[in-house]
N, C-alpha and C. Protein backbone atom coordinates (compact mmCIF):
# COMPACT_ATOMS: atom_id res chain seq x y z
N MET A 1 146.94 94.04 113.10
CA MET A 1 146.70 93.80 112.16
C MET A 1 147.12 93.16 110.76
N TYR A 2 146.06 92.88 109.71
CA TYR A 2 146.78 91.89 108.80
C TYR A 2 146.42 92.39 107.36
N LEU A 3 147.10 91.77 106.67
CA LEU A 3 146.58 91.92 105.25
C LEU A 3 145.73 90.53 104.34
N GLU A 4 144.97 90.65 104.27
CA GLU A 4 143.97 89.31 103.78
C GLU A 4 143.96 89.65 102.26
N VAL A 5 144.56 88.84 101.33
CA VAL A 5 144.66 88.40 100.34
C VAL A 5 143.83 87.44 99.87
N PHE A 6 143.36 87.66 98.66
CA PHE A 6 141.90 86.62 98.08
C PHE A 6 142.54 85.98 96.82
N TYR A 7 142.68 84.93 96.20
CA TYR A 7 143.01 84.32 95.06
C TYR A 7 141.77 83.23 94.73
N GLU A 8 141.36 82.91 93.62
CA GLU A 8 140.70 82.01 93.00
C GLU A 8 141.61 81.19 92.56
N PRO A 9 141.76 79.71 92.68
CA PRO A 9 142.42 78.87 91.86
C PRO A 9 141.67 78.24 90.47
N THR A 10 142.22 78.29 89.46
CA THR A 10 141.57 78.37 88.29
C THR A 10 141.87 76.98 87.41
N THR A 11 143.05 76.51 88.32
CA THR A 11 143.78 74.57 87.74
C THR A 11 143.91 73.74 89.58
N LEU A 12 143.90 72.75 89.27
CA LEU A 12 144.64 71.99 90.06
C LEU A 12 145.56 72.05 90.66
N PHE A 13 145.87 72.34 92.32
CA PHE A 13 147.22 72.77 92.59
C PHE A 13 148.25 71.62 93.27
N SER A 14 149.36 71.79 93.07
CA SER A 14 150.58 70.57 93.59
C SER A 14 151.76 71.58 94.08
N LEU A 15 152.05 70.66 95.33
CA LEU A 15 153.03 71.25 95.93
C LEU A 15 153.41 70.59 96.66
N LYS A 16 154.86 69.56 96.05
CA LYS A 16 155.14 68.43 97.19
C LYS A 16 155.69 68.89 98.29
N GLN A 17 155.87 68.04 99.64
CA GLN A 17 156.50 68.44 100.58
C GLN A 17 158.05 67.98 100.12
N SER A 18 159.05 68.94 100.84
CA SER A 18 160.19 69.51 100.93
C SER A 18 161.02 68.22 101.06
N GLU A 19 160.68 67.18 101.67
CA GLU A 19 161.28 65.85 102.31
C GLU A 19 161.20 64.89 101.03
N ALA A 20 160.28 64.98 100.31
CA ALA A 20 159.75 64.06 99.12
C ALA A 20 160.53 63.53 98.00
N THR A 21 160.91 62.54 98.00
CA THR A 21 161.50 62.11 96.25
C THR A 21 160.82 62.39 94.91
N ASN A 22 161.52 62.72 94.20
CA ASN A 22 160.97 62.76 92.78
C ASN A 22 160.00 61.86 92.67
N SER A 23 160.26 60.55 92.80
CA SER A 23 159.25 59.84 92.45
C SER A 23 158.10 59.07 92.60
N GLY A 24 157.89 59.84 94.35
CA GLY A 24 156.48 59.42 94.73
C GLY A 24 156.75 60.45 95.70
N SER A 25 155.66 61.62 95.66
CA SER A 25 155.21 62.78 96.84
C SER A 25 154.27 63.17 96.83
N LYS A 26 153.76 63.36 97.80
CA LYS A 26 152.41 63.63 98.62
C LYS A 26 152.31 65.29 98.65
N SER A 27 151.38 65.92 98.43
CA SER A 27 151.31 67.31 98.24
C SER A 27 150.46 67.66 99.26
N LEU A 28 151.07 69.31 99.40
CA LEU A 28 150.79 70.16 100.41
C LEU A 28 149.38 70.37 100.23
N ILE A 29 147.94 70.86 101.05
CA ILE A 29 147.07 71.44 100.44
C ILE A 29 146.46 72.51 100.47
N SER A 30 147.80 73.43 100.50
CA SER A 30 148.02 74.97 100.16
C SER A 30 149.22 75.37 99.95
N PRO A 31 149.46 76.20 99.75
CA PRO A 31 150.89 76.77 99.31
C PRO A 31 151.69 77.22 100.63
N SER A 32 153.29 76.96 100.53
CA SER A 32 153.80 77.04 101.93
C SER A 32 154.21 78.60 102.09
N PRO A 33 154.58 79.28 103.26
CA PRO A 33 154.72 80.55 103.54
C PRO A 33 155.80 80.84 102.73
N TYR A 34 156.77 79.74 102.60
CA TYR A 34 158.60 79.97 101.78
C TYR A 34 157.79 79.95 100.15
N SER A 35 156.93 79.55 100.10
CA SER A 35 156.44 79.30 98.52
C SER A 35 156.05 80.73 97.93
N ILE A 36 155.56 81.51 99.06
CA ILE A 36 154.49 82.92 98.81
C ILE A 36 155.62 83.40 98.73
N LYS A 37 156.62 83.68 99.55
CA LYS A 37 157.43 84.57 99.72
C LYS A 37 158.47 84.62 98.45
N MET A 38 158.70 83.88 97.98
CA MET A 38 159.53 83.50 96.78
C MET A 38 158.63 84.00 95.56
N ALA A 39 157.62 83.66 95.76
CA ALA A 39 156.69 84.25 94.58
C ALA A 39 156.81 85.80 94.49
N LEU A 40 156.86 86.42 95.81
CA LEU A 40 156.43 87.53 95.93
C LEU A 40 157.59 88.20 95.69
N LEU A 41 159.14 87.65 95.86
CA LEU A 41 160.34 88.34 95.62
C LEU A 41 160.64 88.07 93.92
N ASN A 42 159.80 87.03 93.63
CA ASN A 42 160.11 87.01 92.23
C ASN A 42 159.51 88.08 91.36
N ALA A 43 157.85 88.37 91.86
CA ALA A 43 157.10 89.28 91.16
C ALA A 43 158.04 90.48 91.19
N ILE A 44 158.66 90.89 92.34
CA ILE A 44 159.20 92.06 92.40
C ILE A 44 160.32 92.73 91.46
N ILE A 45 161.25 91.28 91.43
CA ILE A 45 162.29 91.23 90.49
C ILE A 45 161.81 91.42 88.86
N THR A 46 160.89 90.35 88.75
CA THR A 46 160.46 90.49 86.98
C THR A 46 159.74 92.32 86.97
N PHE A 47 158.91 92.62 87.75
CA PHE A 47 158.27 93.90 87.25
C PHE A 47 158.97 95.03 87.75
N ASP A 48 159.89 95.06 88.76
CA ASP A 48 160.67 96.24 89.11
C ASP A 48 162.05 95.88 89.10
N SER A 49 162.76 95.64 89.64
CA SER A 49 164.02 95.69 89.87
C SER A 49 164.58 94.79 91.10
N LEU A 50 165.80 94.36 90.81
CA LEU A 50 166.57 93.63 91.58
C LEU A 50 166.89 94.09 92.91
N THR A 51 167.17 95.76 92.98
CA THR A 51 167.65 96.55 93.91
C THR A 51 166.31 96.60 95.23
N VAL A 52 165.35 96.77 94.60
CA VAL A 52 163.96 96.87 95.26
C VAL A 52 163.98 95.68 96.13
N ALA A 53 163.94 94.23 95.49
CA ALA A 53 163.64 93.01 96.29
C ALA A 53 165.03 92.95 97.25
N LYS A 54 166.22 93.21 97.03
CA LYS A 54 167.27 93.12 97.88
C LYS A 54 166.50 94.01 99.07
N GLU A 55 166.06 95.30 98.96
CA GLU A 55 165.68 96.36 100.16
C GLU A 55 164.51 95.76 100.88
N GLN A 56 163.77 95.14 100.20
CA GLN A 56 162.49 94.86 100.84
C GLN A 56 162.53 93.33 101.53
N PHE A 57 163.63 92.55 101.19
CA PHE A 57 163.84 91.37 101.65
C PHE A 57 163.78 90.93 103.00
N GLU A 58 164.22 91.66 103.98
CA GLU A 58 164.25 91.27 105.43
C GLU A 58 162.21 91.40 105.60
N LEU A 59 161.57 92.44 105.00
CA LEU A 59 160.00 92.51 105.45
C LEU A 59 158.92 91.60 104.60
N ILE A 60 159.55 90.95 103.86
CA ILE A 60 159.22 89.60 103.37
C ILE A 60 159.45 88.49 103.70
N ARG A 61 160.84 88.41 104.17
CA ARG A 61 161.28 86.77 105.04
C ARG A 61 160.78 87.17 106.38
N ASP A 62 160.11 88.36 107.27
CA ASP A 62 159.38 88.02 108.43
C ASP A 62 158.34 87.83 108.38
N LEU A 63 157.64 87.93 107.02
CA LEU A 63 155.94 87.82 107.21
C LEU A 63 155.64 86.59 108.05
N ASN A 64 154.46 86.89 108.47
CA ASN A 64 153.66 85.59 109.36
C ASN A 64 152.59 85.37 108.48
N ILE A 65 152.27 84.28 107.87
CA ILE A 65 151.12 83.87 106.85
C ILE A 65 150.43 82.65 107.60
N SER A 66 149.00 83.07 107.39
CA SER A 66 148.16 81.89 107.80
C SER A 66 147.33 81.66 106.81
N PHE A 67 146.65 80.58 106.53
CA PHE A 67 145.67 79.96 105.43
C PHE A 67 144.36 79.66 105.64
N SER A 68 143.19 80.41 105.15
CA SER A 68 141.84 79.82 105.04
C SER A 68 141.21 79.26 103.61
N LEU A 69 141.05 78.31 103.55
CA LEU A 69 140.80 77.19 102.39
C LEU A 69 139.33 77.32 102.17
N PRO A 70 139.30 76.46 101.05
CA PRO A 70 137.82 76.16 100.82
C PRO A 70 136.95 75.37 101.94
N GLN A 71 135.74 74.97 101.81
CA GLN A 71 135.08 74.22 102.66
C GLN A 71 135.00 72.73 102.45
N GLU A 72 135.33 72.17 101.08
CA GLU A 72 135.45 71.41 100.70
C GLU A 72 136.98 71.32 99.94
N ILE A 73 137.90 70.00 100.20
CA ILE A 73 139.25 69.99 99.56
C ILE A 73 139.39 68.31 99.14
N VAL A 74 139.52 68.10 97.60
CA VAL A 74 139.50 66.85 97.15
C VAL A 74 141.22 66.53 96.72
N VAL A 75 141.80 66.00 97.16
CA VAL A 75 143.32 65.08 96.81
C VAL A 75 143.47 64.12 96.08
N ASN A 76 143.61 64.06 94.98
CA ASN A 76 143.42 63.28 93.78
C ASN A 76 144.84 62.49 93.71
N ASN A 77 144.92 61.49 93.33
CA ASN A 77 146.08 60.29 93.91
C ASN A 77 146.44 60.17 91.91
N CYS A 78 147.68 60.41 91.63
CA CYS A 78 147.41 59.99 90.26
C CYS A 78 148.93 59.55 90.07
N PHE A 79 149.08 58.86 89.08
CA PHE A 79 150.17 58.25 88.08
C PHE A 79 150.80 59.24 87.19
N ILE A 80 152.02 59.67 86.83
CA ILE A 80 152.22 60.32 85.72
C ILE A 80 153.68 59.82 85.05
N LYS A 81 154.19 60.25 83.99
CA LYS A 81 155.28 59.96 83.48
C LYS A 81 155.90 60.74 83.83
N ILE A 82 157.47 60.72 83.95
CA ILE A 82 158.53 62.08 84.13
C ILE A 82 159.88 61.37 83.63
N MET A 83 160.69 62.51 83.38
CA MET A 83 161.75 62.51 83.02
C MET A 83 162.81 62.00 84.29
N LYS A 84 163.84 60.96 84.00
CA LYS A 84 164.63 61.02 85.04
C LYS A 84 165.97 61.08 84.76
N ASP A 85 167.07 61.26 85.58
CA ASP A 85 168.50 61.25 85.12
C ASP A 85 168.94 59.53 84.93
N ASN A 86 169.15 59.38 83.37
CA ASN A 86 169.46 57.57 83.42
C ASN A 86 171.08 57.60 84.12
N ASP A 87 170.99 57.98 85.46
CA ASP A 87 172.23 57.65 86.32
C ASP A 87 172.54 56.22 86.37
N LYS A 88 171.60 55.13 85.98
CA LYS A 88 172.23 53.70 86.37
C LYS A 88 173.16 52.84 84.67
N GLU A 89 172.74 54.21 83.71
CA GLU A 89 173.57 53.81 82.34
C GLU A 89 175.05 53.78 82.32
N THR A 90 175.94 52.62 82.34
CA THR A 90 177.30 52.83 82.34
C THR A 90 177.75 53.21 81.58
N ASN A 91 177.36 52.96 80.09
CA ASN A 91 177.57 53.25 79.27
C ASN A 91 177.91 54.63 78.85
N LYS A 92 178.79 55.58 78.76
CA LYS A 92 178.93 56.53 78.50
C LYS A 92 178.30 57.31 77.10
N ALA A 93 178.85 56.24 76.00
CA ALA A 93 177.97 57.06 74.69
C ALA A 93 176.52 56.77 74.83
N ILE A 94 175.94 55.91 75.41
CA ILE A 94 174.32 55.84 75.73
C ILE A 94 174.00 57.19 76.17
N LYS A 95 174.71 57.55 77.47
CA LYS A 95 174.47 57.94 78.45
C LYS A 95 174.09 59.70 77.77
N GLU A 96 175.56 60.00 77.38
CA GLU A 96 175.44 61.07 76.48
C GLU A 96 174.28 61.39 75.27
N LEU A 97 173.67 60.28 74.57
CA LEU A 97 172.42 60.25 73.51
C LEU A 97 171.44 60.52 74.35
N LYS A 98 171.30 59.78 75.67
CA LYS A 98 169.87 59.52 76.33
C LYS A 98 170.12 60.02 77.73
N PRO A 99 170.53 61.19 78.01
CA PRO A 99 170.90 61.51 79.39
C PRO A 99 169.39 61.55 80.73
N PHE A 100 168.58 60.97 79.62
CA PHE A 100 167.40 61.06 80.56
C PHE A 100 166.11 59.81 80.44
N LYS A 101 165.79 59.53 81.41
CA LYS A 101 164.76 58.10 80.96
C LYS A 101 163.51 58.30 81.44
N SER A 102 162.62 57.66 80.40
CA SER A 102 161.34 57.77 81.06
C SER A 102 160.76 57.19 82.31
N THR A 103 159.73 57.34 83.19
CA THR A 103 159.77 56.37 84.49
C THR A 103 158.41 56.87 84.91
N VAL A 104 157.51 56.02 85.99
CA VAL A 104 156.37 56.47 86.29
C VAL A 104 157.12 57.24 87.83
N ALA A 105 156.39 58.05 88.06
CA ALA A 105 156.04 58.82 89.46
C ALA A 105 154.62 58.88 90.10
N PHE A 106 154.57 59.28 91.47
CA PHE A 106 153.21 59.24 92.06
C PHE A 106 152.91 60.46 92.26
N ARG A 107 152.03 61.27 92.20
CA ARG A 107 151.93 62.78 92.10
C ARG A 107 150.48 63.09 92.95
N GLU A 108 149.98 63.73 93.85
CA GLU A 108 148.46 64.10 94.34
C GLU A 108 148.56 65.82 93.81
N TYR A 109 147.40 65.79 93.10
CA TYR A 109 146.39 67.19 92.77
C TYR A 109 145.71 67.34 93.85
N VAL A 110 145.46 68.51 94.02
CA VAL A 110 144.38 69.23 95.18
C VAL A 110 143.17 70.02 94.42
N TYR A 111 142.08 69.69 94.63
CA TYR A 111 141.26 70.46 94.03
C TYR A 111 140.54 71.42 95.24
N LEU A 112 140.80 72.49 95.00
CA LEU A 112 140.19 73.86 95.88
C LEU A 112 138.69 74.40 95.50
N LYS A 113 137.84 73.91 96.04
CA LYS A 113 136.60 74.29 95.42
C LYS A 113 135.89 75.61 95.30
N SER A 114 136.83 76.55 96.26
CA SER A 114 136.41 77.79 96.01
C SER A 114 137.56 78.90 96.58
N ASN A 115 137.79 80.07 96.29
CA ASN A 115 138.31 81.07 97.15
C ASN A 115 139.25 80.37 98.14
N ILE A 116 140.66 81.14 98.33
CA ILE A 116 141.53 80.69 99.30
C ILE A 116 141.89 82.17 99.67
N SER A 117 142.42 82.43 101.20
CA SER A 117 142.74 83.54 101.40
C SER A 117 144.25 83.54 102.24
N PHE A 118 145.00 84.74 102.50
CA PHE A 118 146.25 84.24 102.98
C PHE A 118 146.13 85.35 104.43
N ALA A 119 146.25 85.18 105.47
CA ALA A 119 146.45 86.48 106.14
C ALA A 119 147.69 86.66 106.77
N VAL A 120 148.23 88.01 106.05
CA VAL A 120 149.27 88.57 106.14
C VAL A 120 149.94 89.19 107.46
N GLU A 121 150.90 89.29 108.43
CA GLU A 121 151.13 89.75 109.08
C GLU A 121 152.57 90.24 109.34
N ILE A 122 152.95 92.02 109.26
CA ILE A 122 154.12 92.02 109.16
C ILE A 122 154.65 92.01 110.79
N LYS A 123 155.67 91.62 110.76
CA LYS A 123 156.41 91.95 111.88
C LYS A 123 156.78 93.62 112.33
N ILE A 124 156.52 93.83 113.11
CA ILE A 124 156.62 95.23 113.66
C ILE A 124 157.98 95.73 114.16
N LYS A 125 158.48 96.80 113.54
CA LYS A 125 159.98 97.03 114.03
C LYS A 125 160.10 98.38 114.35
N PRO A 126 160.26 99.10 115.23
CA PRO A 126 160.91 100.88 115.47
C PRO A 126 160.95 101.25 114.29
N ASN A 127 160.09 102.24 114.47
CA ASN A 127 160.46 103.59 113.18
C ASN A 127 159.88 102.88 111.96
N VAL A 128 159.28 101.61 111.77
CA VAL A 128 158.55 101.33 110.64
C VAL A 128 156.80 101.65 110.50
N LYS A 129 156.71 102.10 109.08
CA LYS A 129 155.30 102.63 108.63
C LYS A 129 154.70 101.73 108.22
N VAL A 130 154.07 101.18 109.06
CA VAL A 130 153.16 99.25 108.94
C VAL A 130 152.32 99.81 107.44
N LEU A 131 151.25 100.92 107.43
CA LEU A 131 150.51 101.01 106.63
C LEU A 131 151.08 101.23 105.14
N GLN A 132 152.29 101.74 104.83
CA GLN A 132 152.94 101.60 103.94
C GLN A 132 153.33 100.13 103.51
N ASP A 133 153.76 99.47 104.55
CA ASP A 133 154.71 98.15 103.78
C ASP A 133 153.30 97.58 103.72
N TYR A 134 152.00 97.62 104.15
CA TYR A 134 150.48 97.07 103.75
C TYR A 134 150.46 96.97 102.34
N ASP A 135 150.83 98.32 101.74
CA ASP A 135 150.39 98.55 100.74
C ASP A 135 151.19 98.31 99.42
N PHE A 136 152.31 97.98 100.08
CA PHE A 136 153.72 97.75 99.05
C PHE A 136 153.35 96.36 98.86
N LEU A 137 152.96 95.68 99.77
CA LEU A 137 152.99 93.62 99.74
C LEU A 137 151.42 93.85 98.87
N LYS A 138 150.61 94.54 98.91
CA LYS A 138 149.05 94.29 98.31
C LYS A 138 149.66 94.92 96.70
N LYS A 139 150.44 95.49 96.40
CA LYS A 139 150.79 95.71 95.20
C LYS A 139 151.51 94.76 94.08
N TRP A 140 151.91 93.98 95.31
CA TRP A 140 152.77 92.88 94.52
C TRP A 140 152.38 91.84 94.65
N PHE A 141 151.13 91.46 95.68
CA PHE A 141 150.22 89.84 95.68
C PHE A 141 149.82 90.18 93.99
N MET A 142 149.39 91.31 93.71
CA MET A 142 148.44 91.50 92.33
C MET A 142 148.86 91.02 91.42
N HIS A 143 150.55 90.87 91.34
CA HIS A 143 151.27 90.59 90.14
C HIS A 143 151.48 88.89 89.83
N ILE A 144 150.99 88.03 91.12
CA ILE A 144 151.36 86.60 91.27
C ILE A 144 150.45 86.09 90.54
N ASN A 145 150.22 85.27 89.75
CA ASN A 145 149.30 84.45 89.16
C ASN A 145 149.37 82.86 89.42
N TYR A 146 150.48 82.11 90.04
CA TYR A 146 150.81 80.76 90.30
C TYR A 146 151.71 80.86 91.76
N PHE A 147 151.04 79.64 92.39
CA PHE A 147 151.65 78.94 93.47
C PHE A 147 152.07 77.75 93.66
N GLY A 148 153.22 77.13 94.07
CA GLY A 148 153.34 75.56 94.12
C GLY A 148 154.23 75.25 92.71
N LYS A 149 153.79 73.97 92.18
CA LYS A 149 154.12 73.55 90.83
C LYS A 149 153.66 74.89 89.49
N LYS A 150 154.39 74.99 88.36
CA LYS A 150 154.37 75.54 87.66
C LYS A 150 152.90 74.82 86.72
N GLY A 151 152.13 75.68 86.00
CA GLY A 151 150.94 75.67 85.76
C GLY A 151 149.73 75.80 86.92
N CYS A 152 150.28 75.55 88.54
CA CYS A 152 149.01 75.96 89.10
C CYS A 152 148.88 77.52 89.56
N PHE A 153 147.70 77.83 88.34
CA PHE A 153 147.47 78.87 88.29
C PHE A 153 146.12 79.57 89.48
N PHE A 154 146.27 80.71 89.69
CA PHE A 154 145.52 81.20 91.05
C PHE A 154 145.17 82.89 90.29
N GLN A 155 144.05 83.28 90.11
CA GLN A 155 143.76 84.48 90.05
C GLN A 155 143.57 85.55 91.19
N PHE A 156 143.96 86.70 91.25
CA PHE A 156 144.18 87.61 92.30
C PHE A 156 142.86 88.10 92.11
N HIS A 157 142.21 88.46 93.09
CA HIS A 157 140.70 88.55 93.84
C HIS A 157 140.93 89.70 94.73
N GLY A 158 141.89 90.33 95.17
CA GLY A 158 141.79 91.43 95.65
C GLY A 158 142.49 91.31 97.33
N ALA A 159 142.87 92.38 97.83
CA ALA A 159 143.58 92.46 99.39
C ALA A 159 142.89 93.76 100.10
N GLU A 160 142.62 93.59 101.13
CA GLU A 160 142.10 94.28 102.23
C GLU A 160 142.92 94.19 103.29
N ILE A 161 143.09 95.41 103.99
CA ILE A 161 143.90 95.74 105.35
C ILE A 161 142.91 95.48 106.42
N LYS A 162 143.18 94.61 107.13
CA LYS A 162 141.79 94.11 108.66
C LYS A 162 142.72 94.66 109.65
N ASP A 163 142.13 95.10 110.84
CA ASP A 163 142.47 95.33 111.95
C ASP A 163 141.75 94.60 113.03
N TYR A 164 142.19 93.18 112.58
CA TYR A 164 141.96 92.05 113.44
C TYR A 164 142.72 92.21 114.49
N SER A 165 142.39 91.81 116.09
CA SER A 165 143.08 91.55 116.91
C SER A 165 143.61 90.02 117.16
N ALA A 166 142.65 89.05 116.18
CA ALA A 166 143.13 87.68 116.74
C ALA A 166 142.31 87.16 114.92
N LEU A 167 142.79 86.39 114.16
CA LEU A 167 142.42 85.82 113.31
C LEU A 167 141.09 85.22 113.03
N PRO A 168 140.31 84.99 112.18
CA PRO A 168 139.22 84.84 112.19
C PRO A 168 138.84 83.38 112.30
N ILE A 169 137.69 82.30 112.53
CA ILE A 169 137.66 81.23 112.66
C ILE A 169 137.58 80.76 111.48
N GLY A 170 138.35 79.86 111.01
CA GLY A 170 138.54 78.97 109.77
C GLY A 170 140.17 79.20 109.76
N TYR A 171 141.16 79.98 110.14
CA TYR A 171 142.56 79.94 109.55
C TYR A 171 143.45 79.42 109.98
N SER A 172 144.38 78.57 109.36
CA SER A 172 145.13 77.55 109.78
C SER A 172 146.16 78.19 111.21
N SER A 173 146.44 77.51 112.21
CA SER A 173 147.28 77.98 113.63
C SER A 173 148.32 76.99 113.55
N ILE A 174 149.34 77.61 114.22
CA ILE A 174 150.24 76.89 114.51
C ILE A 174 150.23 75.96 115.60
N TRP A 175 150.32 74.81 115.28
CA TRP A 175 150.76 73.57 116.42
C TRP A 175 151.53 74.06 117.28
N GLY A 176 151.07 73.84 118.64
CA GLY A 176 151.85 74.05 119.84
C GLY A 176 151.58 75.16 120.72
N LYS A 177 151.16 76.40 120.07
CA LYS A 177 150.80 77.36 120.28
C LYS A 177 149.84 77.47 121.01
N SER A 178 148.33 77.16 120.58
CA SER A 178 147.14 76.64 121.18
C SER A 178 146.38 75.20 120.81
N PHE A 179 145.88 74.72 121.51
CA PHE A 179 145.07 73.31 120.70
C PHE A 179 144.52 73.57 120.12
N SER A 180 144.23 73.57 119.10
CA SER A 180 143.28 73.16 117.80
C SER A 180 142.95 71.61 117.47
N ASN A 181 141.77 71.67 117.02
CA ASN A 181 142.10 69.79 116.23
C ASN A 181 141.93 70.20 114.79
N GLY A 182 142.12 69.35 114.17
CA GLY A 182 141.86 69.45 112.44
C GLY A 182 143.24 68.49 111.93
N ILE A 183 143.77 68.57 110.68
CA ILE A 183 144.49 67.90 109.97
C ILE A 183 145.99 68.55 110.26
N MET A 184 147.19 68.18 110.26
CA MET A 184 148.58 68.75 110.73
C MET A 184 149.48 68.73 109.28
N PHE A 185 150.22 69.54 108.36
CA PHE A 185 151.08 69.42 107.92
C PHE A 185 152.25 70.17 107.91
N GLN A 186 153.11 69.54 107.74
CA GLN A 186 154.54 70.44 108.03
C GLN A 186 154.97 71.29 106.74
N LEU A 187 154.91 72.40 106.72
CA LEU A 187 155.28 73.49 105.43
C LEU A 187 156.26 74.53 105.79
N ASP A 188 157.49 74.44 105.02
CA ASP A 188 158.30 75.53 105.17
C ASP A 188 158.06 77.32 105.13
N ASP A 189 158.85 77.73 105.93
CA ASP A 189 159.20 79.29 105.78
C ASP A 189 160.58 79.61 105.95
N MET A 190 160.90 80.58 105.31
CA MET A 190 162.39 81.25 105.79
C MET A 190 162.91 81.58 107.07
N SER A 191 163.90 81.04 107.05
CA SER A 191 164.44 81.59 108.78
C SER A 191 164.69 82.76 108.50
N GLU A 192 164.66 83.11 109.74
CA GLU A 192 165.38 84.69 110.26
C GLU A 192 166.58 85.17 109.52
N GLU A 193 167.33 83.80 109.56
CA GLU A 193 168.82 83.98 109.36
C GLU A 193 169.31 83.90 108.03
N ASN A 194 168.35 83.69 107.09
CA ASN A 194 168.37 83.97 105.80
C ASN A 194 168.98 85.43 105.70
N LYS A 195 169.85 85.59 104.66
CA LYS A 195 170.18 87.07 103.68
C LYS A 195 169.48 86.79 102.44
N PHE A 196 169.39 87.79 101.36
CA PHE A 196 169.18 87.38 100.04
C PHE A 196 169.71 86.57 99.61
N GLU A 197 171.00 86.90 99.53
CA GLU A 197 171.81 85.70 98.86
C GLU A 197 171.54 84.30 99.09
N ASP A 198 170.92 84.07 100.29
CA ASP A 198 171.03 82.31 100.47
C ASP A 198 169.49 81.72 99.71
N VAL A 199 168.65 82.76 99.45
CA VAL A 199 167.71 82.68 98.64
C VAL A 199 167.53 82.62 97.01
N ASN A 200 168.87 83.17 97.05
CA ASN A 200 169.29 83.54 95.27
C ASN A 200 169.02 82.43 94.40
N THR A 201 168.79 82.16 93.89
CA THR A 201 168.93 81.14 92.56
C THR A 201 170.43 80.99 92.01
N TYR A 202 171.09 81.80 91.77
CA TYR A 202 172.21 81.80 90.88
C TYR A 202 173.50 81.88 92.19
N SER A 203 172.98 81.96 93.39
CA SER A 203 174.05 82.15 94.51
C SER A 203 174.42 80.49 94.82
N ASP A 204 175.77 80.16 95.35
CA ASP A 204 176.01 79.00 95.60
C ASP A 204 175.21 78.61 96.84
N LYS A 205 175.09 79.24 97.89
CA LYS A 205 174.68 78.95 99.32
C LYS A 205 173.48 78.43 99.11
N LYS A 206 172.81 77.75 100.09
CA LYS A 206 171.64 77.09 100.28
C LYS A 206 170.53 78.07 101.32
N PRO A 207 169.36 78.11 101.23
CA PRO A 207 168.37 78.81 102.22
C PRO A 207 168.32 77.87 103.26
N LYS A 208 168.02 78.55 104.36
CA LYS A 208 167.76 77.82 105.81
C LYS A 208 166.43 77.87 105.60
N ARG A 209 165.71 77.05 106.06
CA ARG A 209 164.46 76.57 106.21
C ARG A 209 163.75 76.20 107.47
N GLU A 210 162.91 76.96 107.90
CA GLU A 210 162.12 76.49 109.19
C GLU A 210 161.23 76.07 108.95
N LYS A 211 160.85 74.83 109.66
CA LYS A 211 159.73 73.88 109.32
C LYS A 211 158.72 74.11 110.62
N LYS A 212 157.72 74.14 110.01
CA LYS A 212 155.93 74.82 110.77
C LYS A 212 155.11 74.15 110.69
N ILE A 213 154.71 73.77 111.40
CA ILE A 213 153.38 72.43 111.57
C ILE A 213 152.26 73.60 112.07
N LEU A 214 151.82 73.39 111.02
CA LEU A 214 150.21 74.14 110.39
C LEU A 214 149.01 73.11 110.93
N VAL A 215 147.87 73.23 111.90
CA VAL A 215 146.88 72.94 111.86
C VAL A 215 145.67 73.25 111.30
N PHE A 216 145.34 72.69 110.13
CA PHE A 216 144.04 73.26 109.52
C PHE A 216 142.58 72.25 110.06
N PRO A 217 141.72 73.45 109.99
CA PRO A 217 140.46 73.05 110.56
C PRO A 217 139.82 71.92 109.85
N TYR A 218 140.13 70.59 109.36
CA TYR A 218 139.59 69.41 108.69
C TYR A 218 139.55 68.46 109.04
N LYS A 219 138.10 67.67 108.88
CA LYS A 219 138.17 66.12 108.98
C LYS A 219 138.46 65.28 107.48
N GLN A 220 138.61 64.53 107.82
CA GLN A 220 138.72 63.52 106.56
C GLN A 220 137.58 62.69 106.28
N ILE A 221 136.77 63.16 105.42
CA ILE A 221 135.03 62.41 105.16
C ILE A 221 135.20 61.10 104.34
N GLU A 222 135.82 61.01 103.24
CA GLU A 222 135.96 59.92 102.49
C GLU A 222 137.55 59.60 102.00
N SER A 223 138.05 58.57 101.90
CA SER A 223 139.37 58.25 101.08
C SER A 223 139.03 56.96 100.56
N ASN A 224 139.83 56.74 99.49
CA ASN A 224 140.27 55.72 98.65
C ASN A 224 141.27 55.51 97.92
N LYS A 225 141.53 54.32 96.79
CA LYS A 225 142.87 54.54 96.31
C LYS A 225 143.05 55.56 95.22
N ASN A 226 141.97 56.76 94.90
CA ASN A 226 141.97 57.57 93.75
C ASN A 226 141.95 58.81 94.49
N TYR A 227 141.03 59.16 95.55
CA TYR A 227 141.22 60.17 96.08
C TYR A 227 140.77 60.45 97.70
N THR A 228 141.04 61.70 98.13
CA THR A 228 140.74 62.06 99.74
C THR A 228 139.57 63.19 99.75
N LEU A 229 138.67 63.03 99.92
CA LEU A 229 137.72 64.57 100.54
C LEU A 229 137.97 64.83 102.19
N TYR A 230 138.19 66.15 102.09
CA TYR A 230 138.33 66.62 103.48
C TYR A 230 137.48 67.71 103.58
N ARG A 231 136.92 67.70 104.34
CA ARG A 231 135.69 68.76 104.90
C ARG A 231 135.93 69.70 106.30
N LYS A 232 136.04 70.92 106.02
CA LYS A 232 135.93 72.10 107.29
C LYS A 232 134.99 71.92 108.18
N PHE A 233 135.20 71.82 109.27
CA PHE A 233 134.20 71.54 110.58
C PHE A 233 133.79 72.89 111.20
N ILE A 234 134.43 74.20 110.97
CA ILE A 234 133.91 75.30 111.52
C ILE A 234 133.95 76.24 110.42
């Protein structure tokens, strides 16, 4: 059983890989499981309470999330101006006046031609009311309006509980579990060892991130210095 959630991208999307530097970073082509789970926690805290977020943390942490993206994806290469820490300035007086300096950075912005969908699967545990949990998740997905970099807005289009025995063709798959063609991206997910305080922005603890390699059913059609075009082949 899955909760299939649908969103319409209303702006270009960008989410840099976690290992990327600030001055040069390639973008993922979809939100990561980690970013979706953090968005859910943020929505619950903002519109309900911190208590509810803590109570439901394990449910959200253990979700399995797969992605179905549009038929065509265009990744645009851009150079932008950013503010960077003026760490090479040795004069303390100047650094106090100018703590940041302007510099150029490489960024990728992804054009998603049409709606995207997430297939969310709950980790089944004894004595758990699964349908009630899916309804809970559906309620909070409705409150999310961006993923990835701030300003990458998405419009919620609905969510349906589907009794799939296996995901439909077109969804991403985890590399290694089965053979599948496509392009691979390494996405972050929450480790099962994480507690709420580990992902709390105001905590001194660092979250444990699990690296997952996902295969998306796309092939590269065109590429040059300005953009790369991917097309789904199934």
